Amino acid sequence: MRAFQSSGKIRLNANGRKLDAWLIYKCLACEKTWNRPIFERQNVRDINPDTLVALQSNDPEWVRAEAFNLEPLKRKAQRVDEFDDYAIEKTTLREAEYWTKLVIDLVTPIPTSTRLDRLLASELRISRLRLQKLNERGFLQATSDRANAMRRHIKTGTVVTIDLSDESDREQSWKPLATGGPL
């Protein structure tokens, strides 16, 4: 079995008022293509106008998001390899003097298979065991629409709150990790 990767291109086919759309994948070894259906025989007026514009213009952001939309891909492919590659962008939205809580609002434009506990351990440079203990003691809380958010894949809308009131060195040790600043 050979690996295919999204080419970043869409194929559209119109038949009267019906439209078919495929995301084109290319074999990494031989350049052979595979068209993954996005939808077939959809009436044009039933398609979201923004989606239609993105399809017609081959919008790179829309194509990338669709390529990483893993649920439909898993229904059409025998095997889907997921990688733990991700890029982190940290932005301080509000900073308070004498702060005692670190609030992290996650935004993931593309679905990922990375678990929340692994992401936090990596970015905050603490062990997953320490995260678990903070969680058990009530110093770390993750809000999500699903139970046990720490062991789930990260997704937009998850908010993590870490109570650092017992950490005397939070300015020196936690702030640079949270903001991406120098240690």
N, C-alpha and C. Protein backbone atom coordinates (compact mmCIF):
# COMPACT_ATOMS: atom_id res chain seq x y z
N MET A 1 0.85 -1.18 0.00
CA MET A 1 0.00 0.00 0.00
C MET A 1 0.89 1.24 0.00
N ARG A 2 0.58 2.18 -0.84
CA ARG A 2 1.37 3.40 -0.96
C ARG A 2 0.67 4.56 -0.26
N ALA A 3 1.47 5.51 0.15
CA ALA A 3 0.95 6.68 0.86
C ALA A 3 0.54 7.76 -0.13
N PHE A 4 -0.62 8.36 0.14
CA PHE A 4 -1.12 9.49 -0.64
C PHE A 4 -1.17 10.71 0.26
N GLN A 5 -0.97 11.86 -0.35
CA GLN A 5 -1.00 13.14 0.37
C GLN A 5 -1.83 14.12 -0.44
N SER A 6 -2.53 15.00 0.25
CA SER A 6 -3.34 16.00 -0.44
C SER A 6 -2.47 16.84 -1.36
N SER A 7 -2.98 17.07 -2.56
CA SER A 7 -2.27 17.91 -3.53
C SER A 7 -2.59 19.39 -3.31
N GLY A 8 -3.59 19.65 -2.48
CA GLY A 8 -4.02 21.03 -2.26
C GLY A 8 -4.96 21.51 -3.34
N LYS A 9 -5.49 20.61 -4.14
CA LYS A 9 -6.37 20.97 -5.26
C LYS A 9 -7.73 20.28 -5.12
N ILE A 10 -8.72 20.95 -5.69
CA ILE A 10 -10.09 20.46 -5.72
C ILE A 10 -10.48 20.19 -7.16
N ARG A 11 -11.29 19.17 -7.38
CA ARG A 11 -11.86 18.92 -8.70
C ARG A 11 -13.37 19.07 -8.57
N LEU A 12 -13.94 19.87 -9.45
CA LEU A 12 -15.40 20.07 -9.49
C LEU A 12 -15.93 19.56 -10.82
N ASN A 13 -17.12 19.01 -10.76
CA ASN A 13 -17.79 18.55 -11.98
C ASN A 13 -19.27 18.93 -11.85
N ALA A 14 -19.76 19.63 -12.84
CA ALA A 14 -21.16 20.04 -12.84
C ALA A 14 -21.93 19.22 -13.86
N ASN A 15 -23.13 18.80 -13.47
CA ASN A 15 -24.03 18.10 -14.35
C ASN A 15 -25.40 18.75 -14.16
N GLY A 16 -25.70 19.72 -15.00
CA GLY A 16 -26.92 20.50 -14.81
C GLY A 16 -26.79 21.32 -13.54
N ARG A 17 -27.74 21.15 -12.63
CA ARG A 17 -27.69 21.87 -11.35
C ARG A 17 -27.04 21.05 -10.25
N LYS A 18 -26.54 19.89 -10.60
CA LYS A 18 -25.88 19.02 -9.62
C LYS A 18 -24.37 19.22 -9.70
N LEU A 19 -23.72 19.13 -8.54
CA LEU A 19 -22.29 19.36 -8.48
C LEU A 19 -21.62 18.22 -7.71
N ASP A 20 -20.47 17.79 -8.21
CA ASP A 20 -19.62 16.83 -7.52
C ASP A 20 -18.34 17.57 -7.16
N ALA A 21 -17.76 17.24 -6.00
CA ALA A 21 -16.50 17.85 -5.59
C ALA A 21 -15.60 16.77 -4.99
N TRP A 22 -14.34 16.82 -5.38
CA TRP A 22 -13.36 15.87 -4.87
C TRP A 22 -12.11 16.61 -4.43
N LEU A 23 -11.46 16.09 -3.43
CA LEU A 23 -10.15 16.57 -3.02
C LEU A 23 -9.14 15.63 -3.67
N ILE A 24 -8.17 16.18 -4.38
CA ILE A 24 -7.22 15.37 -5.13
C ILE A 24 -6.00 15.05 -4.26
N TYR A 25 -5.72 13.76 -4.13
CA TYR A 25 -4.53 13.28 -3.42
C TYR A 25 -3.56 12.73 -4.44
N LYS A 26 -2.25 12.80 -4.10
CA LYS A 26 -1.22 12.26 -4.99
C LYS A 26 -0.40 11.23 -4.24
N CYS A 27 -0.03 10.17 -4.94
CA CYS A 27 0.85 9.14 -4.39
C CYS A 27 2.23 9.77 -4.17
N LEU A 28 2.82 9.51 -3.02
CA LEU A 28 4.12 10.07 -2.71
C LEU A 28 5.24 9.41 -3.52
N ALA A 29 4.97 8.23 -4.09
CA ALA A 29 6.00 7.51 -4.83
C ALA A 29 5.91 7.74 -6.34
N CYS A 30 4.68 7.73 -6.88
CA CYS A 30 4.57 7.73 -8.35
C CYS A 30 3.74 8.87 -8.94
N GLU A 31 3.18 9.75 -8.10
CA GLU A 31 2.36 10.87 -8.57
C GLU A 31 0.98 10.47 -9.08
N LYS A 32 0.60 9.20 -8.97
CA LYS A 32 -0.76 8.78 -9.35
C LYS A 32 -1.74 9.52 -8.43
N THR A 33 -2.92 9.83 -8.96
CA THR A 33 -3.89 10.59 -8.15
C THR A 33 -5.03 9.72 -7.67
N TRP A 34 -5.63 10.15 -6.59
CA TRP A 34 -6.84 9.55 -6.03
C TRP A 34 -7.76 10.71 -5.68
N ASN A 35 -8.99 10.65 -6.15
CA ASN A 35 -9.97 11.71 -5.87
C ASN A 35 -10.85 11.27 -4.71
N ARG A 36 -10.72 11.95 -3.58
CA ARG A 36 -11.56 11.66 -2.42
C ARG A 36 -12.83 12.50 -2.51
N PRO A 37 -13.98 11.86 -2.57
CA PRO A 37 -15.22 12.64 -2.68
C PRO A 37 -15.45 13.54 -1.46
N ILE A 38 -15.78 14.77 -1.72
CA ILE A 38 -16.23 15.69 -0.68
C ILE A 38 -17.76 15.60 -0.64
N PHE A 39 -18.37 15.67 -1.80
CA PHE A 39 -19.80 15.38 -1.96
C PHE A 39 -20.05 15.03 -3.42
N GLU A 40 -21.17 14.35 -3.63
CA GLU A 40 -21.53 13.94 -4.99
C GLU A 40 -23.01 14.26 -5.22
N ARG A 41 -23.28 14.73 -6.42
CA ARG A 41 -24.65 15.01 -6.87
C ARG A 41 -25.41 15.93 -5.93
N GLN A 42 -24.75 16.96 -5.46
CA GLN A 42 -25.40 17.96 -4.60
C GLN A 42 -26.00 19.04 -5.47
N ASN A 43 -27.21 19.44 -5.14
CA ASN A 43 -27.82 20.56 -5.83
C ASN A 43 -27.06 21.82 -5.45
N VAL A 44 -26.72 22.64 -6.43
CA VAL A 44 -25.91 23.84 -6.20
C VAL A 44 -26.54 24.74 -5.15
N ARG A 45 -27.85 24.89 -5.15
CA ARG A 45 -28.48 25.80 -4.18
C ARG A 45 -28.48 25.23 -2.76
N ASP A 46 -28.16 23.91 -2.59
CA ASP A 46 -28.07 23.31 -1.26
C ASP A 46 -26.68 23.43 -0.65
N ILE A 47 -25.74 23.95 -1.42
CA ILE A 47 -24.36 24.08 -0.95
C ILE A 47 -24.18 25.45 -0.31
N ASN A 48 -23.56 25.47 0.85
CA ASN A 48 -23.27 26.72 1.54
C ASN A 48 -22.53 27.65 0.58
N PRO A 49 -22.98 28.91 0.42
CA PRO A 49 -22.34 29.83 -0.52
C PRO A 49 -20.85 30.03 -0.28
N ASP A 50 -20.43 30.09 0.99
CA ASP A 50 -18.99 30.24 1.29
C ASP A 50 -18.21 29.01 0.83
N THR A 51 -18.79 27.85 1.02
CA THR A 51 -18.15 26.60 0.57
C THR A 51 -18.04 26.59 -0.94
N LEU A 52 -19.09 27.01 -1.62
CA LEU A 52 -19.09 27.04 -3.08
C LEU A 52 -18.00 27.98 -3.61
N VAL A 53 -17.86 29.15 -3.01
CA VAL A 53 -16.82 30.10 -3.41
C VAL A 53 -15.43 29.48 -3.16
N ALA A 54 -15.26 28.84 -2.00
CA ALA A 54 -13.97 28.21 -1.68
C ALA A 54 -13.64 27.10 -2.68
N LEU A 55 -14.64 26.32 -3.05
CA LEU A 55 -14.42 25.25 -4.03
C LEU A 55 -14.06 25.82 -5.40
N GLN A 56 -14.79 26.81 -5.83
CA GLN A 56 -14.57 27.38 -7.15
C GLN A 56 -13.23 28.10 -7.26
N SER A 57 -12.76 28.66 -6.14
CA SER A 57 -11.50 29.40 -6.17
C SER A 57 -10.32 28.55 -5.71
N ASN A 58 -10.60 27.29 -5.35
CA ASN A 58 -9.55 26.40 -4.86
C ASN A 58 -8.83 27.05 -3.67
N ASP A 59 -9.61 27.60 -2.74
CA ASP A 59 -9.11 28.32 -1.58
C ASP A 59 -8.16 27.43 -0.77
N PRO A 60 -6.87 27.81 -0.65
CA PRO A 60 -5.88 26.96 0.02
C PRO A 60 -6.22 26.65 1.48
N GLU A 61 -6.76 27.63 2.19
CA GLU A 61 -7.11 27.41 3.60
C GLU A 61 -8.26 26.42 3.72
N TRP A 62 -9.26 26.56 2.87
CA TRP A 62 -10.41 25.65 2.90
C TRP A 62 -9.95 24.23 2.52
N VAL A 63 -9.12 24.14 1.50
CA VAL A 63 -8.62 22.84 1.04
C VAL A 63 -7.81 22.18 2.15
N ARG A 64 -6.96 22.95 2.82
CA ARG A 64 -6.15 22.38 3.92
C ARG A 64 -7.04 21.89 5.05
N ALA A 65 -8.03 22.67 5.41
CA ALA A 65 -8.94 22.27 6.48
C ALA A 65 -9.68 20.99 6.09
N GLU A 66 -10.10 20.90 4.85
CA GLU A 66 -10.81 19.70 4.39
C GLU A 66 -9.88 18.49 4.34
N ALA A 67 -8.64 18.71 3.97
CA ALA A 67 -7.66 17.61 3.93
C ALA A 67 -7.42 17.04 5.32
N PHE A 68 -7.51 17.91 6.34
CA PHE A 68 -7.30 17.46 7.72
C PHE A 68 -8.61 17.12 8.43
N ASN A 69 -9.71 17.12 7.72
CA ASN A 69 -10.99 16.70 8.28
C ASN A 69 -10.98 15.18 8.24
N LEU A 70 -10.52 14.57 9.33
CA LEU A 70 -10.18 13.15 9.32
C LEU A 70 -11.37 12.20 9.29
N GLU A 71 -12.50 12.59 9.82
CA GLU A 71 -13.64 11.65 9.85
C GLU A 71 -14.08 11.22 8.45
N PRO A 72 -14.32 12.16 7.52
CA PRO A 72 -14.69 11.72 6.17
C PRO A 72 -13.55 10.97 5.48
N LEU A 73 -12.32 11.36 5.77
CA LEU A 73 -11.17 10.68 5.17
C LEU A 73 -11.10 9.23 5.63
N LYS A 74 -11.34 8.99 6.90
CA LYS A 74 -11.29 7.62 7.44
C LYS A 74 -12.36 6.73 6.82
N ARG A 75 -13.49 7.33 6.41
CA ARG A 75 -14.55 6.54 5.77
C ARG A 75 -14.19 6.13 4.34
N LYS A 76 -13.26 6.87 3.72
CA LYS A 76 -12.91 6.62 2.31
C LYS A 76 -11.55 5.95 2.13
N ALA A 77 -10.71 5.93 3.15
CA ALA A 77 -9.36 5.38 3.02
C ALA A 77 -9.22 4.13 3.89
N GLN A 78 -8.39 3.22 3.46
CA GLN A 78 -8.15 2.01 4.25
C GLN A 78 -7.37 2.31 5.52
N ARG A 79 -6.44 3.25 5.42
CA ARG A 79 -5.60 3.58 6.57
C ARG A 79 -5.27 5.07 6.52
N VAL A 80 -5.30 5.73 7.67
CA VAL A 80 -4.94 7.14 7.76
C VAL A 80 -3.82 7.27 8.79
N ASP A 81 -2.66 7.74 8.34
CA ASP A 81 -1.56 7.99 9.26
C ASP A 81 -1.68 9.40 9.80
N GLU A 82 -1.65 9.52 11.11
CA GLU A 82 -1.70 10.82 11.75
C GLU A 82 -0.35 11.10 12.38
N PHE A 83 0.09 12.33 12.29
CA PHE A 83 1.38 12.72 12.82
C PHE A 83 1.19 13.73 13.94
N ASP A 84 2.10 13.73 14.88
CA ASP A 84 2.02 14.64 16.02
C ASP A 84 2.67 15.99 15.75
N ASP A 85 2.89 16.32 14.47
CA ASP A 85 3.45 17.62 14.13
C ASP A 85 2.41 18.70 14.36
N TYR A 86 2.82 19.77 15.01
CA TYR A 86 1.95 20.91 15.17
C TYR A 86 2.80 22.14 15.44
N ALA A 87 2.23 23.26 15.17
CA ALA A 87 2.90 24.53 15.45
C ALA A 87 2.09 25.25 16.52
N ILE A 88 2.77 25.78 17.50
CA ILE A 88 2.11 26.47 18.60
C ILE A 88 2.34 27.97 18.45
N GLU A 89 1.27 28.71 18.55
CA GLU A 89 1.36 30.17 18.57
C GLU A 89 0.77 30.63 19.89
N LYS A 90 1.57 31.37 20.65
CA LYS A 90 1.12 31.83 21.96
C LYS A 90 0.89 33.33 21.91
N THR A 91 -0.25 33.74 22.40
CA THR A 91 -0.60 35.15 22.43
C THR A 91 -1.14 35.49 23.82
N THR A 92 -0.63 36.54 24.40
CA THR A 92 -1.15 37.01 25.69
C THR A 92 -2.31 37.95 25.41
N LEU A 93 -3.49 37.55 25.83
CA LEU A 93 -4.67 38.37 25.60
C LEU A 93 -4.85 39.43 26.67
N ARG A 94 -4.50 39.06 27.91
CA ARG A 94 -4.63 40.01 29.01
C ARG A 94 -3.64 39.62 30.09
N GLU A 95 -2.97 40.59 30.64
CA GLU A 95 -1.99 40.32 31.69
C GLU A 95 -2.36 41.16 32.90
N ALA A 96 -2.37 40.51 34.06
CA ALA A 96 -2.72 41.20 35.29
C ALA A 96 -1.52 41.21 36.23
N GLU A 97 -1.39 42.29 36.97
CA GLU A 97 -0.34 42.37 37.99
C GLU A 97 -0.73 41.43 39.13
N TYR A 98 0.25 40.77 39.71
CA TYR A 98 0.04 39.82 40.82
C TYR A 98 -0.91 38.68 40.41
N TRP A 99 -0.76 38.22 39.22
CA TRP A 99 -1.63 37.16 38.71
C TRP A 99 -1.38 35.84 39.44
N THR A 100 -2.44 35.07 39.57
CA THR A 100 -2.34 33.76 40.24
C THR A 100 -2.93 32.64 39.39
N LYS A 101 -3.54 32.98 38.27
CA LYS A 101 -4.13 31.96 37.41
C LYS A 101 -3.64 32.12 35.99
N LEU A 102 -3.40 30.99 35.39
CA LEU A 102 -3.03 30.94 33.99
C LEU A 102 -4.23 30.33 33.25
N VAL A 103 -4.78 31.08 32.32
CA VAL A 103 -5.93 30.60 31.55
C VAL A 103 -5.48 30.43 30.10
N ILE A 104 -5.67 29.23 29.59
CA ILE A 104 -5.27 28.89 28.23
C ILE A 104 -6.52 28.57 27.43
N ASP A 105 -6.74 29.32 26.37
CA ASP A 105 -7.89 29.12 25.49
C ASP A 105 -7.35 28.50 24.19
N LEU A 106 -7.74 27.28 23.91
CA LEU A 106 -7.19 26.57 22.75
C LEU A 106 -7.98 26.87 21.48
N VAL A 107 -7.25 27.11 20.42
CA VAL A 107 -7.83 27.29 19.09
C VAL A 107 -7.06 26.35 18.16
N THR A 108 -7.75 25.43 17.57
CA THR A 108 -7.12 24.48 16.65
C THR A 108 -7.83 24.57 15.31
N PRO A 109 -7.25 25.30 14.37
CA PRO A 109 -7.92 25.47 13.08
C PRO A 109 -8.05 24.17 12.29
N ILE A 110 -7.17 23.21 12.59
CA ILE A 110 -7.20 21.92 11.91
C ILE A 110 -7.25 20.83 12.97
N PRO A 111 -8.13 19.84 12.81
CA PRO A 111 -8.18 18.76 13.81
C PRO A 111 -6.81 18.10 13.99
N THR A 112 -6.54 17.69 15.22
CA THR A 112 -5.27 17.05 15.53
C THR A 112 -5.51 15.85 16.43
N SER A 113 -4.58 14.92 16.42
CA SER A 113 -4.69 13.75 17.27
C SER A 113 -3.91 13.91 18.57
N THR A 114 -3.38 15.10 18.81
CA THR A 114 -2.60 15.35 20.02
C THR A 114 -3.53 15.47 21.22
N ARG A 115 -3.18 14.76 22.28
CA ARG A 115 -3.97 14.82 23.51
C ARG A 115 -3.62 16.07 24.30
N LEU A 116 -4.59 16.57 25.06
CA LEU A 116 -4.40 17.79 25.84
C LEU A 116 -3.28 17.64 26.86
N ASP A 117 -3.22 16.52 27.57
CA ASP A 117 -2.17 16.36 28.58
C ASP A 117 -0.78 16.36 27.95
N ARG A 118 -0.65 15.79 26.76
CA ARG A 118 0.66 15.78 26.09
C ARG A 118 1.05 17.18 25.62
N LEU A 119 0.09 17.92 25.10
CA LEU A 119 0.36 19.29 24.66
C LEU A 119 0.80 20.16 25.83
N LEU A 120 0.04 20.11 26.92
CA LEU A 120 0.38 20.94 28.09
C LEU A 120 1.73 20.55 28.69
N ALA A 121 1.99 19.26 28.82
CA ALA A 121 3.27 18.80 29.37
C ALA A 121 4.42 19.30 28.51
N SER A 122 4.26 19.22 27.21
CA SER A 122 5.31 19.66 26.29
C SER A 122 5.53 21.17 26.36
N GLU A 123 4.46 21.93 26.28
CA GLU A 123 4.58 23.39 26.22
C GLU A 123 4.91 24.03 27.56
N LEU A 124 4.45 23.43 28.65
CA LEU A 124 4.73 23.99 29.98
C LEU A 124 5.94 23.33 30.63
N ARG A 125 6.51 22.36 29.93
CA ARG A 125 7.72 21.64 30.38
C ARG A 125 7.56 21.07 31.78
N ILE A 126 6.44 20.40 31.97
CA ILE A 126 6.21 19.68 33.22
C ILE A 126 5.75 18.27 32.86
N SER A 127 5.86 17.37 33.79
CA SER A 127 5.50 15.99 33.52
C SER A 127 3.98 15.83 33.48
N ARG A 128 3.55 14.81 32.78
CA ARG A 128 2.11 14.52 32.74
C ARG A 128 1.63 14.08 34.12
N LEU A 129 2.50 13.47 34.91
CA LEU A 129 2.15 13.09 36.28
C LEU A 129 1.87 14.34 37.11
N ARG A 130 2.70 15.37 36.95
CA ARG A 130 2.46 16.62 37.69
C ARG A 130 1.15 17.26 37.24
N LEU A 131 0.87 17.23 35.95
CA LEU A 131 -0.42 17.74 35.46
C LEU A 131 -1.58 16.99 36.09
N GLN A 132 -1.44 15.67 36.15
CA GLN A 132 -2.49 14.83 36.73
C GLN A 132 -2.70 15.18 38.20
N LYS A 133 -1.61 15.39 38.93
CA LYS A 133 -1.73 15.76 40.35
C LYS A 133 -2.37 17.13 40.52
N LEU A 134 -1.99 18.09 39.66
CA LEU A 134 -2.63 19.41 39.71
C LEU A 134 -4.13 19.28 39.44
N ASN A 135 -4.47 18.43 38.49
CA ASN A 135 -5.88 18.20 38.15
C ASN A 135 -6.62 17.56 39.33
N GLU A 136 -6.03 16.53 39.93
CA GLU A 136 -6.67 15.84 41.06
C GLU A 136 -6.86 16.75 42.26
N ARG A 137 -5.91 17.67 42.48
CA ARG A 137 -5.99 18.59 43.62
C ARG A 137 -6.87 19.81 43.32
N GLY A 138 -7.39 19.91 42.11
CA GLY A 138 -8.27 21.02 41.76
C GLY A 138 -7.54 22.27 41.30
N PHE A 139 -6.22 22.19 41.11
CA PHE A 139 -5.45 23.35 40.66
C PHE A 139 -5.42 23.47 39.14
N LEU A 140 -5.86 22.45 38.45
CA LEU A 140 -5.93 22.48 36.99
C LEU A 140 -7.31 22.00 36.59
N GLN A 141 -7.98 22.81 35.79
CA GLN A 141 -9.30 22.44 35.30
C GLN A 141 -9.35 22.69 33.81
N ALA A 142 -9.96 21.75 33.10
CA ALA A 142 -10.13 21.89 31.66
C ALA A 142 -11.61 21.78 31.35
N THR A 143 -12.14 22.82 30.72
CA THR A 143 -13.55 22.79 30.34
C THR A 143 -13.64 22.34 28.89
N SER A 144 -14.53 21.46 28.66
CA SER A 144 -14.74 20.93 27.32
C SER A 144 -16.16 20.38 27.29
N ASP A 145 -16.64 20.08 26.10
CA ASP A 145 -17.97 19.50 26.01
C ASP A 145 -17.93 17.99 26.24
N ARG A 146 -16.74 17.46 26.55
CA ARG A 146 -16.60 16.03 26.80
C ARG A 146 -15.90 15.81 28.13
N ALA A 147 -16.25 14.70 28.77
CA ALA A 147 -15.62 14.35 30.04
C ALA A 147 -14.16 13.96 29.82
N ASN A 148 -13.37 14.09 30.88
CA ASN A 148 -11.97 13.70 30.85
C ASN A 148 -11.20 14.40 29.74
N ALA A 149 -11.30 15.70 29.67
CA ALA A 149 -10.69 16.49 28.60
C ALA A 149 -9.18 16.32 28.52
N MET A 150 -8.53 16.06 29.64
CA MET A 150 -7.07 15.93 29.64
C MET A 150 -6.60 14.76 28.78
N ARG A 151 -7.40 13.74 28.63
CA ARG A 151 -7.00 12.56 27.87
C ARG A 151 -7.62 12.54 26.47
N ARG A 152 -8.23 13.63 26.09
CA ARG A 152 -8.87 13.74 24.77
C ARG A 152 -8.01 14.57 23.84
N HIS A 153 -8.32 14.46 22.55
CA HIS A 153 -7.64 15.28 21.55
C HIS A 153 -8.02 16.73 21.76
N ILE A 154 -7.04 17.61 21.52
CA ILE A 154 -7.32 19.03 21.71
C ILE A 154 -8.27 19.52 20.63
N LYS A 155 -9.08 20.50 20.99
CA LYS A 155 -9.99 21.09 20.04
C LYS A 155 -10.34 22.51 20.46
N THR A 156 -10.78 23.27 19.49
CA THR A 156 -11.16 24.66 19.75
C THR A 156 -12.28 24.70 20.78
N GLY A 157 -12.17 25.65 21.68
CA GLY A 157 -13.20 25.83 22.70
C GLY A 157 -12.80 25.28 24.05
N THR A 158 -11.76 24.47 24.09
CA THR A 158 -11.28 23.95 25.38
C THR A 158 -10.54 25.07 26.09
N VAL A 159 -10.88 25.26 27.35
CA VAL A 159 -10.22 26.28 28.17
C VAL A 159 -9.58 25.57 29.37
N VAL A 160 -8.30 25.82 29.56
CA VAL A 160 -7.55 25.23 30.66
C VAL A 160 -7.22 26.34 31.64
N THR A 161 -7.53 26.12 32.91
CA THR A 161 -7.22 27.09 33.96
C THR A 161 -6.31 26.41 34.97
N ILE A 162 -5.17 27.03 35.23
CA ILE A 162 -4.22 26.50 36.21
C ILE A 162 -4.08 27.53 37.33
N ASP A 163 -4.40 27.10 38.55
CA ASP A 163 -4.28 27.96 39.72
C ASP A 163 -2.83 27.89 40.20
N LEU A 164 -2.13 29.03 40.12
CA LEU A 164 -0.72 29.09 40.49
C LEU A 164 -0.50 29.90 41.76
N SER A 165 -1.53 30.05 42.56
CA SER A 165 -1.41 30.88 43.76
C SER A 165 -0.37 30.32 44.74
N ASP A 166 -0.10 29.01 44.72
CA ASP A 166 0.91 28.42 45.60
C ASP A 166 2.31 28.46 45.00
N GLU A 167 2.45 28.92 43.77
CA GLU A 167 3.74 28.95 43.08
C GLU A 167 4.38 30.33 43.26
N SER A 168 5.40 30.41 44.10
CA SER A 168 6.04 31.70 44.37
C SER A 168 6.87 32.21 43.20
N ASP A 169 7.33 31.31 42.34
CA ASP A 169 8.19 31.71 41.22
C ASP A 169 7.43 31.75 39.89
N ARG A 170 6.16 32.00 39.95
CA ARG A 170 5.35 31.94 38.72
C ARG A 170 5.80 32.94 37.66
N GLU A 171 6.27 34.12 38.09
CA GLU A 171 6.75 35.12 37.12
C GLU A 171 7.97 34.61 36.36
N GLN A 172 8.89 33.96 37.08
CA GLN A 172 10.13 33.51 36.47
C GLN A 172 9.96 32.17 35.73
N SER A 173 9.20 31.25 36.30
CA SER A 173 9.15 29.91 35.70
C SER A 173 7.92 29.66 34.83
N TRP A 174 6.77 30.16 35.19
CA TRP A 174 5.56 29.86 34.43
C TRP A 174 5.29 30.85 33.30
N LYS A 175 5.51 32.11 33.56
CA LYS A 175 5.17 33.14 32.57
C LYS A 175 5.90 32.95 31.24
N PRO A 176 7.21 32.70 31.22
CA PRO A 176 7.88 32.50 29.92
C PRO A 176 7.34 31.29 29.16
N LEU A 177 7.00 30.24 29.87
CA LEU A 177 6.47 29.04 29.21
C LEU A 177 5.09 29.30 28.63
N ALA A 178 4.31 30.06 29.33
CA ALA A 178 2.94 30.33 28.89
C ALA A 178 2.91 31.32 27.73
N THR A 179 3.83 32.27 27.72
CA THR A 179 3.78 33.33 26.70
C THR A 179 4.74 33.12 25.56
N GLY A 180 5.66 32.16 25.72
CA GLY A 180 6.66 31.95 24.66
C GLY A 180 7.83 32.90 24.80
N GLY A 181 7.91 33.61 25.92
CA GLY A 181 9.01 34.54 26.15
C GLY A 181 10.27 33.83 26.58
N PRO A 182 11.37 34.56 26.76
CA PRO A 182 12.64 33.94 27.17
C PRO A 182 12.58 33.41 28.58
N LEU A 183 13.26 32.29 28.79
CA LEU A 183 13.32 31.69 30.14
C LEU A 183 14.36 32.38 30.98
